[in-house]
Amino acid sequence: MQECIKRNVSTETKLRFHVFQDERFVDLNLYQYGWEQTEPLHSYGPYARNHYLFHYVISGKGLLLANGQEYAIEGGHGFLITPGEVTTYRADEQDPWEYTWIEFDGLRAHEALNLAGISGQNPVYSPASAKAGQLLQEQMLFLVNHSQDSPLRQIGYGFLFLDQLVQSSASHQAQSPRRLRDFYMKEALSFIEQHYSEDISIEDISSFCGLNRSYFSKVFRDTMGESPQGFLLHYRMARAAQLLTESAIVFYETIAALVAPIIGELTPFAHCHASAVIHSGLPLFPQSEFRSQNGE
């Protein structure tokens, strides 16, 4: 993969784009990032993303169409697109955008964006000062320019980006003291981490926390930005992927034990298909093909 260009590249180079190919991280994961000098009237959408997508506009101007509104975005500002939200963004005809972007998600993403004061309902980022915005730009371009670094190091750059996004935002929210719900979430995440490979239910997790299921689900979604069912499913899949890529030999029984609890959460059609694979005694994935696609 060709390494991204720096800010002072020749004008012939107008786009650098990179895909992050390691999905084993839970607190924060990157999906793709890049830099572009857009063409006049360049647009994207209407389209719904699966993850958070943040653009920082270095120069130029354009429009973001979201929530039935138009937001004018110019140099020194940015905009956030949230998962599942249908948006369109378009560069100006006379003064098109130059921007850098990062697509990301994870346990800490929702919390960080709340602290930055930006969301699907309030998608425009404004820096507290020109210097603060410049530091955010530099942090994002640093990641773009170091795409060849190790996955762990790139995740570190991602955390630095999130921290700078929070600290530089004009709508930055002060972090409140630890609340009782933080304690519940810590207990829930600890329980999931220790028992994810077992046939646990949301009732099991809520009971462990001493809460009824309805209230627990609300607290979990408000804090984590995802339902407990969705989080448990994604966590199991992430751990299964990690096992597949890291183990020298992957036994069928081990993978089946990880995937079996997920089967009950699938649609009837997917349930029948997955159950057939499980009980056939065949591996869920062609192991050699999977490893070759993951750099092994």
Protein backbone atom coordinates (compact mmCIF):
# COMPACT_ATOMS: atom_id res chain seq x y z
CA MET A 1 0.00 0.00 0.00
CA GLN A 2 1.41 3.34 -1.00
CA GLU A 3 1.97 5.68 1.92
CA CYS A 4 -0.15 8.81 2.09
CA ILE A 5 1.21 12.12 1.00
CA LYS A 6 1.96 15.04 3.25
CA ARG A 7 0.23 18.39 3.13
CA ASN A 8 2.77 19.92 0.73
CA VAL A 9 2.35 17.39 -2.09
CA SER A 10 2.27 18.35 -5.73
CA THR A 11 -1.10 19.40 -7.09
CA GLU A 12 -1.19 16.35 -9.37
CA THR A 13 -1.90 14.15 -6.37
CA LYS A 14 -5.51 14.67 -5.30
CA LEU A 15 -6.43 11.58 -3.28
CA ARG A 16 -4.91 9.19 -0.78
CA PHE A 17 -7.07 6.44 0.69
CA HIS A 18 -6.26 3.59 3.07
CA VAL A 19 -8.24 0.69 4.52
CA PHE A 20 -7.41 -0.55 8.01
CA GLN A 21 -7.61 -4.34 7.81
CA ASP A 22 -7.37 -5.46 11.43
CA GLU A 23 -10.75 -5.73 13.19
CA ARG A 24 -9.59 -7.28 16.46
CA PHE A 25 -9.75 -4.08 18.48
CA VAL A 26 -12.80 -3.42 20.65
CA ASP A 27 -12.36 -0.08 22.45
CA LEU A 28 -11.57 1.68 19.17
CA ASN A 29 -11.31 0.35 15.65
CA LEU A 30 -10.39 2.11 12.44
CA TYR A 31 -11.92 1.19 9.10
CA GLN A 32 -10.55 3.63 6.53
CA TYR A 33 -8.95 7.05 6.40
CA GLY A 34 -7.49 9.42 3.84
CA TRP A 35 -7.02 12.86 2.35
CA GLU A 36 -8.50 14.42 -0.78
CA GLN A 37 -8.50 17.59 -2.80
CA THR A 38 -12.00 17.31 -4.24
CA GLU A 39 -13.16 18.35 -7.66
CA PRO A 40 -15.76 21.14 -8.03
CA LEU A 41 -19.24 19.85 -7.08
CA HIS A 42 -17.79 16.53 -5.91
CA SER A 43 -20.52 14.77 -3.94
CA TYR A 44 -21.21 11.55 -2.08
CA GLY A 45 -24.65 10.19 -1.20
CA PRO A 46 -27.35 9.78 -0.29
CA TYR A 47 -25.75 6.95 1.65
CA ALA A 48 -25.85 5.39 5.14
CA ARG A 49 -22.60 4.41 6.86
CA ASN A 50 -22.03 1.43 9.14
CA HIS A 51 -19.61 3.36 11.38
CA TYR A 52 -18.76 6.89 12.44
CA LEU A 53 -17.16 9.01 9.70
CA PHE A 54 -15.51 12.33 10.55
CA HIS A 55 -14.22 14.84 7.98
CA TYR A 56 -11.99 17.78 8.85
CA VAL A 57 -12.06 20.45 6.14
CA ILE A 58 -8.62 21.95 5.54
CA SER A 59 -9.77 24.49 2.98
CA GLY A 60 -12.66 25.25 0.64
CA LYS A 61 -16.34 25.00 1.36
CA GLY A 62 -19.38 22.83 0.70
CA LEU A 63 -22.63 21.48 2.08
CA LEU A 64 -23.66 18.60 4.33
CA LEU A 65 -27.26 17.40 3.96
CA ALA A 66 -28.39 15.58 7.10
CA ASN A 67 -31.47 15.47 9.33
CA GLY A 68 -33.43 17.25 6.63
CA GLN A 69 -31.13 20.27 6.96
CA GLU A 70 -28.26 21.84 5.06
CA TYR A 71 -25.05 22.67 6.92
CA ALA A 72 -22.45 24.94 5.32
CA ILE A 73 -18.97 23.57 6.12
CA GLU A 74 -15.83 25.58 5.36
CA GLY A 75 -12.12 25.33 6.05
CA GLY A 76 -11.17 24.94 9.71
CA HIS A 77 -14.37 23.08 10.55
CA GLY A 78 -15.56 19.49 10.23
CA PHE A 79 -18.60 17.26 10.13
CA LEU A 80 -19.64 13.92 11.61
CA ILE A 81 -21.75 11.19 9.99
CA THR A 82 -23.21 8.65 12.42
CA PRO A 83 -23.99 4.96 11.74
CA GLY A 84 -27.25 4.34 9.91
CA GLU A 85 -27.79 8.00 9.07
CA VAL A 86 -28.54 8.80 5.42
CA THR A 87 -26.49 11.82 4.36
CA THR A 88 -25.14 13.60 1.31
CA TYR A 89 -22.19 15.96 1.18
CA ARG A 90 -21.13 18.13 -1.74
CA ALA A 91 -18.15 20.37 -2.44
CA ASP A 92 -18.58 23.93 -3.69
CA GLU A 93 -18.29 24.62 -7.42
CA GLN A 94 -15.93 27.60 -7.10
CA ASP A 95 -14.01 26.69 -3.96
CA PRO A 96 -14.14 22.88 -3.47
CA TRP A 97 -13.07 21.16 -0.29
CA GLU A 98 -9.70 19.83 0.65
CA TYR A 99 -10.29 17.51 3.59
CA THR A 100 -9.02 14.57 5.59
CA TRP A 101 -11.25 11.90 7.12
CA ILE A 102 -11.34 8.90 9.44
CA GLU A 103 -14.00 6.18 9.67
CA PHE A 104 -14.03 4.54 13.10
CA ASP A 105 -16.11 2.83 15.77
CA GLY A 106 -15.70 1.03 19.09
CA LEU A 107 -16.62 1.12 22.76
CA ARG A 108 -14.95 4.48 23.38
CA ALA A 109 -16.15 6.19 20.20
CA HIS A 110 -19.64 7.09 21.43
CA GLU A 111 -18.33 8.43 24.73
CA ALA A 112 -15.63 10.54 23.05
CA LEU A 113 -18.07 12.07 20.57
CA ASN A 114 -20.44 12.93 23.42
CA LEU A 115 -17.59 14.71 25.17
CA ALA A 116 -16.76 16.56 21.94
CA GLY A 117 -20.38 17.69 21.74
CA ILE A 118 -20.97 16.42 18.21
CA SER A 119 -23.60 13.89 17.16
CA GLY A 120 -26.04 13.02 14.41
CA GLN A 121 -28.29 15.83 15.62
CA ASN A 122 -25.37 18.25 15.99
CA PRO A 123 -22.97 17.12 13.24
CA VAL A 124 -20.81 20.23 12.76
CA TYR A 125 -17.43 20.45 14.48
CA SER A 126 -16.03 23.90 15.25
CA PRO A 127 -12.65 24.29 16.95
CA ALA A 128 -12.27 26.25 20.16
CA SER A 129 -9.47 28.17 18.40
CA ALA A 130 -7.64 28.16 15.08
CA LYS A 131 -4.64 26.56 16.77
CA ALA A 132 -6.81 23.80 18.25
CA GLY A 133 -8.22 23.01 14.81
CA GLN A 134 -4.73 23.00 13.30
CA LEU A 135 -3.60 20.43 15.88
CA LEU A 136 -6.55 18.20 14.99
CA GLN A 137 -5.68 18.49 11.30
CA GLU A 138 -2.07 17.56 12.01
CA GLN A 139 -3.11 14.58 14.11
CA MET A 140 -5.37 13.23 11.36
CA LEU A 141 -2.79 13.76 8.61
CA PHE A 142 -0.17 12.06 10.78
CA LEU A 143 -2.28 8.90 10.70
CA VAL A 144 -2.80 9.26 6.94
CA ASN A 145 0.96 9.61 6.45
CA HIS A 146 1.80 6.56 8.60
CA SER A 147 -0.43 3.90 7.06
CA GLN A 148 2.47 1.42 7.01
CA ASP A 149 2.88 1.43 10.79
CA SER A 150 1.74 -1.57 12.82
CA PRO A 151 -2.00 -1.96 13.56
CA LEU A 152 -1.43 -1.38 17.28
CA ARG A 153 0.46 1.83 16.60
CA GLN A 154 -2.25 3.04 14.22
CA ILE A 155 -4.89 2.39 16.89
CA GLY A 156 -2.75 4.54 19.18
CA TYR A 157 -2.88 7.33 16.60
CA GLY A 158 -6.64 6.84 16.51
CA PHE A 159 -6.89 7.42 20.26
CA LEU A 160 -4.78 10.56 19.92
CA PHE A 161 -7.17 11.75 17.20
CA LEU A 162 -10.18 11.17 19.47
CA ASP A 163 -8.51 12.97 22.35
CA GLN A 164 -7.64 15.97 20.18
CA LEU A 165 -11.17 16.00 18.76
CA VAL A 166 -12.58 16.22 22.29
CA GLN A 167 -10.06 18.74 23.58
CA SER A 168 -10.25 21.02 20.54
CA SER A 169 -14.02 21.13 20.10
CA ALA A 170 -15.77 24.43 20.84
CA SER A 171 -18.72 22.37 22.13
CA HIS A 172 -16.51 20.27 24.43
CA GLN A 173 -18.44 18.84 27.38
CA ALA A 174 -16.79 18.59 30.78
CA GLN A 175 -16.46 14.97 31.88
CA SER A 176 -18.77 14.35 34.80
CA PRO A 177 -17.61 12.52 37.92
CA ARG A 178 -18.00 8.75 37.88
CA ARG A 179 -21.66 7.86 38.08
CA LEU A 180 -23.43 4.75 39.30
CA ARG A 181 -24.19 3.79 35.70
CA ASP A 182 -20.43 3.77 34.99
CA PHE A 183 -20.09 1.15 37.72
CA TYR A 184 -22.86 -0.93 36.14
CA MET A 185 -21.19 -0.74 32.73
CA LYS A 186 -17.85 -1.78 34.16
CA GLU A 187 -19.50 -4.78 35.79
CA ALA A 188 -21.37 -5.67 32.59
CA LEU A 189 -18.28 -5.46 30.39
CA SER A 190 -16.29 -7.52 32.86
CA PHE A 191 -19.00 -10.20 32.87
CA ILE A 192 -19.13 -10.27 29.06
CA GLU A 193 -15.34 -10.50 28.80
CA GLN A 194 -15.25 -13.49 31.16
CA HIS A 195 -18.30 -15.37 29.85
CA TYR A 196 -18.74 -14.38 26.19
CA SER A 197 -17.97 -17.93 25.00
CA GLU A 198 -20.77 -19.37 27.15
CA ASP A 199 -24.49 -19.43 26.38
CA ILE A 200 -25.21 -16.22 28.30
CA SER A 201 -28.25 -14.00 27.79
CA ILE A 202 -28.98 -10.34 28.42
CA GLU A 203 -30.96 -11.44 31.49
CA ASP A 204 -27.79 -13.08 32.85
CA ILE A 205 -25.81 -9.86 32.41
CA SER A 206 -28.51 -7.61 33.88
CA SER A 207 -28.98 -9.97 36.84
CA PHE A 208 -25.24 -9.91 37.50
CA CYS A 209 -25.46 -6.10 37.64
CA GLY A 210 -28.52 -6.26 39.90
CA LEU A 211 -30.80 -4.53 37.37
CA ASN A 212 -33.95 -5.56 35.54
CA ARG A 213 -33.48 -6.21 31.83
CA SER A 214 -35.45 -3.19 30.59
CA TYR A 215 -33.56 -0.65 32.70
CA PHE A 216 -30.22 -2.33 32.05
CA SER A 217 -30.79 -2.24 28.27
CA LYS A 218 -31.61 1.49 28.43
CA VAL A 219 -28.56 2.31 30.55
CA PHE A 220 -26.32 0.20 28.30
CA ARG A 221 -27.55 1.83 25.08
CA ASP A 222 -27.31 5.35 26.54
CA THR A 223 -23.76 4.73 27.71
CA MET A 224 -22.33 2.58 24.92
CA GLY A 225 -24.39 3.79 21.96
CA GLU A 226 -25.42 0.21 21.13
CA SER A 227 -27.86 -2.36 22.47
CA PRO A 228 -26.42 -5.07 24.77
CA GLN A 229 -27.53 -7.72 22.23
CA GLY A 230 -25.65 -5.96 19.43
CA PHE A 231 -22.56 -5.45 21.55
CA LEU A 232 -22.47 -9.08 22.68
CA LEU A 233 -22.80 -10.26 19.09
CA HIS A 234 -20.03 -7.96 17.84
CA TYR A 235 -17.76 -8.87 20.75
CA ARG A 236 -18.14 -12.60 20.07
CA MET A 237 -17.43 -12.14 16.38
CA ALA A 238 -14.35 -10.00 17.12
CA ARG A 239 -13.00 -12.65 19.50
CA ALA A 240 -13.70 -15.43 17.01
CA ALA A 241 -11.83 -13.49 14.31
CA GLN A 242 -8.92 -12.97 16.69
CA LEU A 243 -8.78 -16.69 17.43
CA LEU A 244 -8.79 -17.53 13.73
CA THR A 245 -5.94 -15.17 12.91
CA GLU A 246 -3.73 -15.82 15.94
CA SER A 247 -4.03 -19.56 16.58
CA ALA A 248 -1.59 -21.89 14.90
CA ILE A 249 -4.29 -24.61 14.82
CA VAL A 250 -8.00 -23.79 15.09
CA PHE A 251 -10.13 -26.65 16.30
CA TYR A 252 -13.70 -26.98 15.08
CA GLU A 253 -15.02 -27.44 18.62
CA THR A 254 -13.50 -24.15 19.78
CA ILE A 255 -15.01 -22.12 16.94
CA ALA A 256 -18.36 -23.89 17.36
CA ALA A 257 -18.37 -23.00 21.05
CA LEU A 258 -17.82 -19.34 20.21
CA VAL A 259 -20.38 -19.19 17.42
CA ALA A 260 -23.12 -21.36 18.93
CA PRO A 261 -24.40 -18.65 21.32
CA ILE A 262 -24.78 -16.33 18.34
CA ILE A 263 -27.02 -18.73 16.42
CA GLY A 264 -30.01 -17.96 18.59
CA GLU A 265 -29.70 -14.26 17.75
CA LEU A 266 -29.94 -14.74 13.97
CA THR A 267 -32.93 -14.57 11.64
CA PRO A 268 -34.76 -17.90 11.06
CA PHE A 269 -33.15 -18.37 7.62
CA ALA A 270 -29.65 -17.54 8.88
CA HIS A 271 -30.29 -19.70 11.96
CA CYS A 272 -31.03 -22.76 9.81
CA HIS A 273 -28.01 -22.18 7.58
CA ALA A 274 -25.58 -21.59 10.45
CA SER A 275 -26.96 -24.54 12.43
CA ALA A 276 -26.45 -26.80 9.42
CA VAL A 277 -22.83 -25.71 9.18
CA ILE A 278 -22.28 -26.20 12.92
CA HIS A 279 -23.75 -29.70 12.99
CA SER A 280 -22.16 -30.81 9.74
CA GLY A 281 -18.84 -31.08 11.46
CA LEU A 282 -17.25 -28.82 8.83
CA PRO A 283 -15.19 -25.73 9.67
CA LEU A 284 -17.10 -22.47 9.56
CA PHE A 285 -14.35 -20.90 7.46
CA PRO A 286 -11.81 -22.28 4.98
CA GLN A 287 -8.93 -21.81 7.40
CA SER A 288 -6.11 -21.58 4.89
CA GLU A 289 -8.07 -19.08 2.80
CA PHE A 290 -8.99 -17.03 5.87
CA ARG A 291 -5.41 -16.85 7.06
CA SER A 292 -4.07 -15.98 3.62
CA GLN A 293 -6.51 -13.08 3.43
CA ASN A 294 -5.30 -11.88 6.81
CA GLY A 295 -1.63 -11.82 5.96
CA GLU A 296 -0.59 -15.22 7.28
